[in-house]
C-alpha cells in the first residue's frame, strides 16, 4: 500500500513566506519587499504581462529581481533601494 504524502502546515500565505526568505537571503527588509510586490502588481495591470502569470507571481518576481540585483527592478524602484542602502550603513 503506498504511503500518503504528508503536507506541511503553512505558516501563512506562501507569498509572505517567500518574502521572508528573500529578506533573510538578501538582507532586505520585508516591508520594503512588500512595497516592491505592490508596485509589481500595479505594473502587471498597467503595462501588460506574460500569459499565464498572476499579479502575485509578477510582483514576487519583481521582488526577487530587486533583492538579488538581477534584472531592472532596482532601477524601477530606485527610491526603495536608497532606503535599503541607508539601512545597511547603520
PDB file of N, CA and C in Angstrom:
ATOM      1  N   UNK A   1       0.848  -1.177   0.000  1.00  0.00           N
ATOM      2  CA  UNK A   1       0.000   0.000   0.000  1.00  0.00           C
ATOM      3  C   UNK A   1       0.899   1.247   0.000  1.00  0.00           C
ATOM      4  N   UNK A   2       0.675   2.193  -0.926  1.00  0.00           N
ATOM      5  CA  UNK A   2       1.526   3.383  -0.992  1.00  0.00           C
ATOM      6  C   UNK A   2       1.279   4.304   0.200  1.00  0.00           C
ATOM      7  N   UNK A   3       2.354   4.987   0.591  1.00  0.00           N
ATOM      8  CA  UNK A   3       2.244   5.936   1.697  1.00  0.00           C
ATOM      9  C   UNK A   3       1.589   7.217   1.212  1.00  0.00           C
ATOM     10  N   UNK A   4       0.851   7.836   2.105  1.00  0.00           N
ATOM     11  CA  UNK A   4       0.242   9.118   1.777  1.00  0.00           C
ATOM     12  C   UNK A   4       1.277  10.219   1.970  1.00  0.00           C
ATOM     13  N   UNK A   5       1.230  11.183   1.112  1.00  0.00           N
ATOM     14  CA  UNK A   5       2.132  12.324   1.247  1.00  0.00           C
ATOM     15  C   UNK A   5       1.674  13.169   2.433  1.00  0.00           C
ATOM     16  N   UNK A   6       2.618  13.568   3.245  1.00  0.00           N
ATOM     17  CA  UNK A   6       2.315  14.398   4.396  1.00  0.00           C
ATOM     18  C   UNK A   6       2.542  15.844   3.992  1.00  0.00           C
ATOM     19  N   UNK A   7       1.520  16.646   4.133  1.00  0.00           N
ATOM     20  CA  UNK A   7       1.610  18.047   3.758  1.00  0.00           C
ATOM     21  C   UNK A   7       2.004  18.872   4.977  1.00  0.00           C
ATOM     22  N   UNK A   8       2.984  19.753   4.787  1.00  0.00           N
ATOM     23  CA  UNK A   8       3.399  20.631   5.876  1.00  0.00           C
ATOM     24  C   UNK A   8       2.328  21.679   6.115  1.00  0.00           C
ATOM     25  N   UNK A   9       2.190  22.072   7.369  1.00  0.00           N
ATOM     26  CA  UNK A   9       1.254  23.136   7.685  1.00  0.00           C
ATOM     27  C   UNK A   9       1.891  24.458   7.292  1.00  0.00           C
ATOM     28  N   UNK A  10       1.128  25.267   6.627  1.00  0.00           N
ATOM     29  CA  UNK A  10       1.609  26.558   6.178  1.00  0.00           C
ATOM     30  C   UNK A  10       1.608  27.532   7.349  1.00  0.00           C
ATOM     31  N   UNK A  11       2.627  28.370   7.426  1.00  0.00           N
ATOM     32  CA  UNK A  11       2.709  29.357   8.497  1.00  0.00           C
ATOM     33  C   UNK A  11       2.137  30.695   8.040  1.00  0.00           C
ATOM     34  N   UNK A  12       1.314  30.698   7.035  1.00  0.00           N
ATOM     35  CA  UNK A  12       0.740  31.919   6.496  1.00  0.00           C
ATOM     36  C   UNK A  12       0.658  31.785   4.992  1.00  0.00           C
ATOM     37  N   UNK A  13       0.532  32.905   4.344  1.00  0.00           N
ATOM     38  CA  UNK A  13       0.446  32.842   2.890  1.00  0.00           C
ATOM     39  C   UNK A  13       1.801  32.472   2.308  1.00  0.00           C
ATOM     40  N   UNK A  14       1.782  31.805   1.198  1.00  0.00           N
ATOM     41  CA  UNK A  14       3.042  31.381   0.592  1.00  0.00           C
ATOM     42  C   UNK A  14       3.844  32.579   0.111  1.00  0.00           C
ATOM     43  N   UNK A  15       3.180  33.649  -0.315  1.00  0.00           N
ATOM     44  CA  UNK A  15       3.923  34.822  -0.765  1.00  0.00           C
ATOM     45  C   UNK A  15       4.632  35.493   0.413  1.00  0.00           C
ATOM     46  N   UNK A  16       3.998  35.503   1.566  1.00  0.00           N
ATOM     47  CA  UNK A  16       4.640  36.090   2.752  1.00  0.00           C
ATOM     48  C   UNK A  16       5.853  35.261   3.163  1.00  0.00           C
ATOM     49  N   UNK A  17       5.744  33.957   3.090  1.00  0.00           N
ATOM     50  CA  UNK A  17       6.870  33.072   3.394  1.00  0.00           C
ATOM     51  C   UNK A  17       8.013  33.322   2.423  1.00  0.00           C
ATOM     52  N   UNK A  18       7.679  33.502   1.160  1.00  0.00           N
ATOM     53  CA  UNK A  18       8.687  33.774   0.141  1.00  0.00           C
ATOM     54  C   UNK A  18       9.387  35.096   0.417  1.00  0.00           C
ATOM     55  N   UNK A  19       8.636  36.114   0.794  1.00  0.00           N
ATOM     56  CA  UNK A  19       9.241  37.412   1.092  1.00  0.00           C
ATOM     57  C   UNK A  19      10.182  37.325   2.285  1.00  0.00           C
ATOM     58  N   UNK A  20       9.796  36.561   3.297  1.00  0.00           N
ATOM     59  CA  UNK A  20      10.669  36.390   4.464  1.00  0.00           C
ATOM     60  C   UNK A  20      11.963  35.687   4.070  1.00  0.00           C
ATOM     61  N   UNK A  21      11.853  34.717   3.162  1.00  0.00           N
ATOM     62  CA  UNK A  21      13.035  34.004   2.685  1.00  0.00           C
ATOM     63  C   UNK A  21      13.964  34.960   1.933  1.00  0.00           C
ATOM     64  N   UNK A  22      13.400  35.767   1.034  1.00  0.00           N
ATOM     65  CA  UNK A  22      14.206  36.733   0.281  1.00  0.00           C
ATOM     66  C   UNK A  22      14.838  37.754   1.221  1.00  0.00           C
ATOM     67  N   UNK A  23      14.087  38.179   2.230  1.00  0.00           N
ATOM     68  CA  UNK A  23      14.591  39.155   3.186  1.00  0.00           C
ATOM     69  C   UNK A  23      15.828  38.634   3.903  1.00  0.00           C
ATOM     70  N   UNK A  24      15.750  37.408   4.349  1.00  0.00           N
ATOM     71  CA  UNK A  24      16.870  36.806   5.067  1.00  0.00           C
ATOM     72  C   UNK A  24      18.047  36.540   4.127  1.00  0.00           C
ATOM     73  N   UNK A  25      17.751  36.033   2.938  1.00  0.00           N
ATOM     74  CA  UNK A  25      18.795  35.652   1.990  1.00  0.00           C
ATOM     75  C   UNK A  25      19.561  36.863   1.454  1.00  0.00           C
ATOM     76  N   UNK A  26      18.860  37.958   1.173  1.00  0.00           N
ATOM     77  CA  UNK A  26      19.482  39.111   0.528  1.00  0.00           C
ATOM     78  C   UNK A  26      19.631  40.326   1.441  1.00  0.00           C
ATOM     79  N   UNK A  27      19.261  40.201   2.717  1.00  0.00           N
ATOM     80  CA  UNK A  27      19.396  41.278   3.692  1.00  0.00           C
ATOM     81  C   UNK A  27      18.621  42.533   3.263  1.00  0.00           C
ATOM     82  N   UNK A  28      17.368  42.335   2.911  1.00  0.00           N
ATOM     83  CA  UNK A  28      16.477  43.431   2.534  1.00  0.00           C
ATOM     84  C   UNK A  28      15.252  43.340   3.443  1.00  0.00           C
ATOM     85  N   UNK A  29      14.832  44.451   4.068  1.00  0.00           N
ATOM     86  CA  UNK A  29      13.677  44.404   4.965  1.00  0.00           C
ATOM     87  C   UNK A  29      12.400  43.909   4.271  1.00  0.00           C
ATOM     88  N   UNK A  30      11.615  43.134   4.996  1.00  0.00           N
ATOM     89  CA  UNK A  30      10.381  42.569   4.453  1.00  0.00           C
ATOM     90  C   UNK A  30       9.414  43.674   4.041  1.00  0.00           C
ATOM     91  N   UNK A  31       9.348  44.740   4.810  1.00  0.00           N
ATOM     92  CA  UNK A  31       8.436  45.836   4.491  1.00  0.00           C
ATOM     93  C   UNK A  31       8.726  46.462   3.137  1.00  0.00           C
ATOM     94  N   UNK A  32       9.989  46.611   2.822  1.00  0.00           N
ATOM     95  CA  UNK A  32      10.362  47.174   1.521  1.00  0.00           C
ATOM     96  C   UNK A  32      10.025  46.184   0.414  1.00  0.00           C
ATOM     97  N   UNK A  33      10.257  44.900   0.659  1.00  0.00           N
ATOM     98  CA  UNK A  33       9.899  43.899  -0.348  1.00  0.00           C
ATOM     99  C   UNK A  33       8.391  43.881  -0.593  1.00  0.00           C
ATOM    100  N   UNK A  34       7.598  44.108   0.456  1.00  0.00           N
ATOM    101  CA  UNK A  34       6.141  44.169   0.283  1.00  0.00           C
ATOM    102  C   UNK A  34       5.759  45.333  -0.641  1.00  0.00           C
ATOM    103  N   UNK A  35       6.458  46.469  -0.472  1.00  0.00           N
ATOM    104  CA  UNK A  35       6.190  47.619  -1.333  1.00  0.00           C
ATOM    105  C   UNK A  35       6.555  47.312  -2.781  1.00  0.00           C
ATOM    106  N   UNK A  36       7.656  46.595  -2.981  1.00  0.00           N
ATOM    107  CA  UNK A  36       8.071  46.218  -4.333  1.00  0.00           C
ATOM    108  C   UNK A  36       7.025  45.302  -4.963  1.00  0.00           C
ATOM    109  N   UNK A  37       6.508  44.347  -4.186  1.00  0.00           N
ATOM    110  CA  UNK A  37       5.469  43.443  -4.699  1.00  0.00           C
ATOM    111  C   UNK A  37       4.226  44.241  -5.083  1.00  0.00           C
ATOM    112  N   UNK A  38       3.843  45.194  -4.252  1.00  0.00           N
ATOM    113  CA  UNK A  38       2.664  46.015  -4.535  1.00  0.00           C
ATOM    114  C   UNK A  38       2.852  46.780  -5.843  1.00  0.00           C
ATOM    115  N   UNK A  39       4.035  47.337  -6.046  1.00  0.00           N
ATOM    116  CA  UNK A  39       4.325  48.052  -7.290  1.00  0.00           C
ATOM    117  C   UNK A  39       4.343  47.086  -8.477  1.00  0.00           C
ATOM    118  N   UNK A  40       4.854  45.887  -8.242  1.00  0.00           N
ATOM    119  CA  UNK A  40       4.879  44.884  -9.305  1.00  0.00           C
ATOM    120  C   UNK A  40       3.480  44.488  -9.743  1.00  0.00           C
ATOM    121  N   UNK A  41       2.581  44.372  -8.771  1.00  0.00           N
ATOM    122  CA  UNK A  41       1.186  44.054  -9.111  1.00  0.00           C
ATOM    123  C   UNK A  41       0.567  45.190  -9.922  1.00  0.00           C
ATOM    124  N   UNK A  42       0.888  46.420  -9.561  1.00  0.00           N
ATOM    125  CA  UNK A  42       0.392  47.567 -10.323  1.00  0.00           C
ATOM    126  C   UNK A  42       0.929  47.569 -11.741  1.00  0.00           C
ATOM    127  N   UNK A  43       2.200  47.226 -11.891  1.00  0.00           N
ATOM    128  CA  UNK A  43       2.807  47.165 -13.226  1.00  0.00           C
ATOM    129  C   UNK A  43       2.174  46.060 -14.056  1.00  0.00           C
ATOM    130  N   UNK A  44       1.805  44.986 -13.418  1.00  0.00           N
ATOM    131  CA  UNK A  44       1.145  43.877 -14.112  1.00  0.00           C
ATOM    132  C   UNK A  44      -0.121  44.367 -14.806  1.00  0.00           C
ATOM    133  N   UNK A  45      -0.901  45.163 -14.098  1.00  0.00           N
ATOM    134  CA  UNK A  45      -2.167  45.632 -14.649  1.00  0.00           C
ATOM    135  C   UNK A  45      -1.996  46.797 -15.621  1.00  0.00           C
ATOM    136  N   UNK A  46      -0.979  47.631 -15.414  1.00  0.00           N
ATOM    137  CA  UNK A  46      -0.859  48.828 -16.244  1.00  0.00           C
ATOM    138  C   UNK A  46      -0.079  48.607 -17.532  1.00  0.00           C
ATOM    139  N   UNK A  47       0.908  47.729 -17.508  1.00  0.00           N
ATOM    140  CA  UNK A  47       1.770  47.619 -18.689  1.00  0.00           C
ATOM    141  C   UNK A  47       1.746  46.244 -19.335  1.00  0.00           C
ATOM    142  N   UNK A  48       0.814  45.413 -18.959  1.00  0.00           N
ATOM    143  CA  UNK A  48       0.719  44.087 -19.571  1.00  0.00           C
ATOM    144  C   UNK A  48       1.640  43.088 -18.905  1.00  0.00           C
ATOM    145  N   UNK A  49       1.497  41.853 -19.300  1.00  0.00           N
ATOM    146  CA  UNK A  49       2.297  40.797 -18.692  1.00  0.00           C
ATOM    147  C   UNK A  49       2.311  39.589 -19.605  1.00  0.00           C
ATOM    148  N   UNK A  50       3.010  38.567 -19.187  1.00  0.00           N
ATOM    149  CA  UNK A  50       3.057  37.327 -19.959  1.00  0.00           C
ATOM    150  C   UNK A  50       1.798  36.505 -19.704  1.00  0.00           C
ATOM    151  N   UNK A  51       1.367  35.750 -20.702  1.00  0.00           N
ATOM    152  CA  UNK A  51       0.192  34.893 -20.499  1.00  0.00           C
ATOM    153  C   UNK A  51       0.452  33.839 -19.420  1.00  0.00           C
ATOM    154  N   UNK A  52      -0.548  33.585 -18.621  1.00  0.00           N
ATOM    155  CA  UNK A  52      -0.442  32.543 -17.605  1.00  0.00           C
ATOM    156  C   UNK A  52       0.148  33.003 -16.289  1.00  0.00           C
ATOM    157  N   UNK A  53       0.568  34.259 -16.194  1.00  0.00           N
ATOM    158  CA  UNK A  53       1.113  34.750 -14.936  1.00  0.00           C
ATOM    159  C   UNK A  53       0.033  35.482 -14.164  1.00  0.00           C
ATOM    160  N   UNK A  54       0.124  35.393 -12.847  1.00  0.00           N
ATOM    161  CA  UNK A  54      -0.816  36.101 -11.987  1.00  0.00           C
ATOM    162  C   UNK A  54      -0.166  37.388 -11.500  1.00  0.00           C
ATOM    163  N   UNK A  55      -0.951  38.340 -11.012  1.00  0.00           N
ATOM    164  CA  UNK A  55      -0.362  39.558 -10.457  1.00  0.00           C
ATOM    165  C   UNK A  55       0.607  39.264  -9.308  1.00  0.00           C
ATOM    166  N   UNK A  56       0.280  38.269  -8.492  1.00  0.00           N
ATOM    167  CA  UNK A  56       1.149  37.923  -7.363  1.00  0.00           C
ATOM    168  C   UNK A  56       2.479  37.372  -7.846  1.00  0.00           C
ATOM    169  N   UNK A  57       2.449  36.497  -8.838  1.00  0.00           N
ATOM    170  CA  UNK A  57       3.711  35.940  -9.333  1.00  0.00           C
ATOM    171  C   UNK A  57       4.555  37.026  -9.986  1.00  0.00           C
ATOM    172  N   UNK A  58       3.915  37.976 -10.654  1.00  0.00           N
ATOM    173  CA  UNK A  58       4.631  39.091 -11.271  1.00  0.00           C
ATOM    174  C   UNK A  58       5.288  39.945 -10.178  1.00  0.00           C
ATOM    175  N   UNK A  59       4.540  40.215  -9.109  1.00  0.00           N
ATOM    176  CA  UNK A  59       5.079  41.010  -8.006  1.00  0.00           C
ATOM    177  C   UNK A  59       6.213  40.314  -7.284  1.00  0.00           C
ATOM    178  N   UNK A  60       6.091  39.000  -7.053  1.00  0.00           N
ATOM    179  CA  UNK A  60       7.158  38.256  -6.376  1.00  0.00           C
ATOM    180  C   UNK A  60       8.409  38.171  -7.242  1.00  0.00           C
ATOM    181  N   UNK A  61       8.227  38.055  -8.548  1.00  0.00           N
ATOM    182  CA  UNK A  61       9.386  38.034  -9.445  1.00  0.00           C
ATOM    183  C   UNK A  61      10.112  39.373  -9.396  1.00  0.00           C
ATOM    184  N   UNK A  62       9.354  40.442  -9.315  1.00  0.00           N
ATOM    185  CA  UNK A  62       9.970  41.769  -9.214  1.00  0.00           C
ATOM    186  C   UNK A  62      10.699  41.922  -7.882  1.00  0.00           C
ATOM    187  N   UNK A  63      10.135  41.382  -6.817  1.00  0.00           N
ATOM    188  CA  UNK A  63      10.787  41.448  -5.509  1.00  0.00           C
ATOM    189  C   UNK A  63      12.101  40.673  -5.515  1.00  0.00           C
ATOM    190  N   UNK A  64      12.116  39.509  -6.145  1.00  0.00           N
ATOM    191  CA  UNK A  64      13.357  38.735  -6.212  1.00  0.00           C
ATOM    192  C   UNK A  64      14.396  39.465  -7.049  1.00  0.00           C
ATOM    193  N   UNK A  65      13.970  40.047  -8.159  1.00  0.00           N
ATOM    194  CA  UNK A  65      14.871  40.820  -9.003  1.00  0.00           C
ATOM    195  C   UNK A  65      15.449  41.999  -8.218  1.00  0.00           C
ATOM    196  N   UNK A  66      14.610  42.657  -7.452  1.00  0.00           N
ATOM    197  CA  UNK A  66      15.038  43.792  -6.634  1.00  0.00           C
ATOM    198  C   UNK A  66      16.051  43.357  -5.588  1.00  0.00           C
ATOM    199  N   UNK A  67      15.744  42.285  -4.885  1.00  0.00           N
ATOM    200  CA  UNK A  67      16.604  41.829  -3.792  1.00  0.00           C
ATOM    201  C   UNK A  67      17.932  41.282  -4.297  1.00  0.00           C
ATOM    202  N   UNK A  68      17.907  40.549  -5.398  1.00  0.00           N
ATOM    203  CA  UNK A  68      19.127  39.901  -5.884  1.00  0.00           C
ATOM    204  C   UNK A  68      19.987  40.823  -6.735  1.00  0.00           C
ATOM    205  N   UNK A  69      19.383  41.859  -7.309  1.00  0.00           N
ATOM    206  CA  UNK A  69      20.147  42.774  -8.149  1.00  0.00           C
ATOM    207  C   UNK A  69      20.147  42.403  -9.616  1.00  0.00           C
ATOM    208  N   UNK A  70      19.520  41.297  -9.969  1.00  0.00           N
ATOM    209  CA  UNK A  70      19.441  40.924 -11.378  1.00  0.00           C
ATOM    210  C   UNK A  70      18.165  41.514 -11.968  1.00  0.00           C
ATOM    211  N   UNK A  71      18.185  41.836 -13.228  1.00  0.00           N
ATOM    212  CA  UNK A  71      17.005  42.438 -13.841  1.00  0.00           C
ATOM    213  C   UNK A  71      16.987  43.935 -13.609  1.00  0.00           C
ATOM    214  N   UNK A  72      15.881  44.560 -13.869  1.00  0.00           N
ATOM    215  CA  UNK A  72      15.806  46.012 -13.796  1.00  0.00           C
ATOM    216  C   UNK A  72      14.968  46.562 -12.671  1.00  0.00           C
ATOM    217  N   UNK A  73      14.612  45.752 -11.707  1.00  0.00           N
ATOM    218  CA  UNK A  73      13.716  46.222 -10.647  1.00  0.00           C
ATOM    219  C   UNK A  73      14.371  47.279  -9.765  1.00  0.00           C
ATOM    220  N   UNK A  74      15.677  47.213  -9.561  1.00  0.00           N
ATOM    221  CA  UNK A  74      16.317  48.234  -8.726  1.00  0.00           C
ATOM    222  C   UNK A  74      16.252  49.596  -9.392  1.00  0.00           C
ATOM    223  N   UNK A  75      16.318  49.605 -10.705  1.00  0.00           N
ATOM    224  CA  UNK A  75      16.208  50.866 -11.431  1.00  0.00           C
ATOM    225  C   UNK A  75      14.784  51.405 -11.316  1.00  0.00           C
ATOM    226  N   UNK A  76      13.808  50.536 -11.460  1.00  0.00           N
ATOM    227  CA  UNK A  76      12.408  50.948 -11.378  1.00  0.00           C
ATOM    228  C   UNK A  76      12.026  51.376  -9.962  1.00  0.00           C
ATOM    229  N   UNK A  77      12.637  50.770  -8.962  1.00  0.00           N
ATOM    230  CA  UNK A  77      12.330  51.063  -7.562  1.00  0.00           C
ATOM    231  C   UNK A  77      13.538  51.697  -6.872  1.00  0.00           C
ATOM    232  N   UNK A  78      14.159  52.661  -7.537  1.00  0.00           N
ATOM    233  CA  UNK A  78      15.390  53.271  -7.031  1.00  0.00           C
ATOM    234  C   UNK A  78      15.190  53.934  -5.671  1.00  0.00           C
ATOM    235  N   UNK A  79      14.031  54.538  -5.445  1.00  0.00           N
ATOM    236  CA  UNK A  79      13.777  55.190  -4.163  1.00  0.00           C
ATOM    237  C   UNK A  79      13.786  54.185  -3.014  1.00  0.00           C
ATOM    238  N   UNK A  80      13.255  52.999  -3.259  1.00  0.00           N
ATOM    239  CA  UNK A  80      13.258  51.966  -2.218  1.00  0.00           C
ATOM    240  C   UNK A  80      14.662  51.403  -2.021  1.00  0.00           C
ATOM    241  N   UNK A  81      15.436  51.299  -3.100  1.00  0.00           N
ATOM    242  CA  UNK A  81      16.797  50.779  -2.987  1.00  0.00           C
ATOM    243  C   UNK A  81      17.666  51.728  -2.158  1.00  0.00           C
ATOM    244  N   UNK A  82      17.424  53.041  -2.268  1.00  0.00           N
ATOM    245  CA  UNK A  82      18.169  54.007  -1.449  1.00  0.00           C
ATOM    246  C   UNK A  82      17.892  53.774   0.034  1.00  0.00           C
ATOM    247  N   UNK A  83      16.649  53.431   0.362  1.00  0.00           N
ATOM    248  CA  UNK A  83      16.302  53.140   1.759  1.00  0.00           C
ATOM    249  C   UNK A  83      17.032  51.896   2.257  1.00  0.00           C
ATOM    250  N   UNK A  84      17.142  50.889   1.397  1.00  0.00           N
ATOM    251  CA  UNK A  84      17.846  49.657   1.782  1.00  0.00           C
ATOM    252  C   UNK A  84      19.313  49.966   2.037  1.00  0.00           C
ATOM    253  N   UNK A  85      19.935  50.723   1.141  1.00  0.00           N
ATOM    254  CA  UNK A  85      21.358  51.049   1.297  1.00  0.00           C
ATOM    255  C   UNK A  85      21.602  51.866   2.557  1.00  0.00           C
ATOM    256  N   UNK A  86      20.715  52.822   2.839  1.00  0.00           N
ATOM    257  CA  UNK A  86      20.861  53.644   4.037  1.00  0.00           C
ATOM    258  C   UNK A  86      20.731  52.792   5.293  1.00  0.00           C
ATOM    259  N   UNK A  87      19.838  51.846   5.269  1.00  0.00           N
ATOM    260  CA  UNK A  87      19.634  50.977   6.431  1.00  0.00           C
ATOM    261  C   UNK A  87      20.831  50.055   6.651  1.00  0.00           C
ATOM    262  N   UNK A  88      21.453  49.606   5.576  1.00  0.00           N
ATOM    263  CA  UNK A  88      22.613  48.719   5.697  1.00  0.00           C
ATOM    264  C   UNK A  88      23.823  49.441   6.270  1.00  0.00           C
ATOM    265  N   UNK A  89      23.922  50.748   6.035  1.00  0.00           N
ATOM    266  CA  UNK A  89      25.072  51.516   6.534  1.00  0.00           C
ATOM    267  C   UNK A  89      25.044  51.684   8.043  1.00  0.00           C
ATOM    268  N   UNK A  90      23.857  51.605   8.641  1.00  0.00           N
ATOM    269  CA  UNK A  90      23.731  51.818  10.095  1.00  0.00           C
ATOM    270  C   UNK A  90      24.360  50.704  10.877  1.00  0.00           C
TER     271      UNK A  90
END
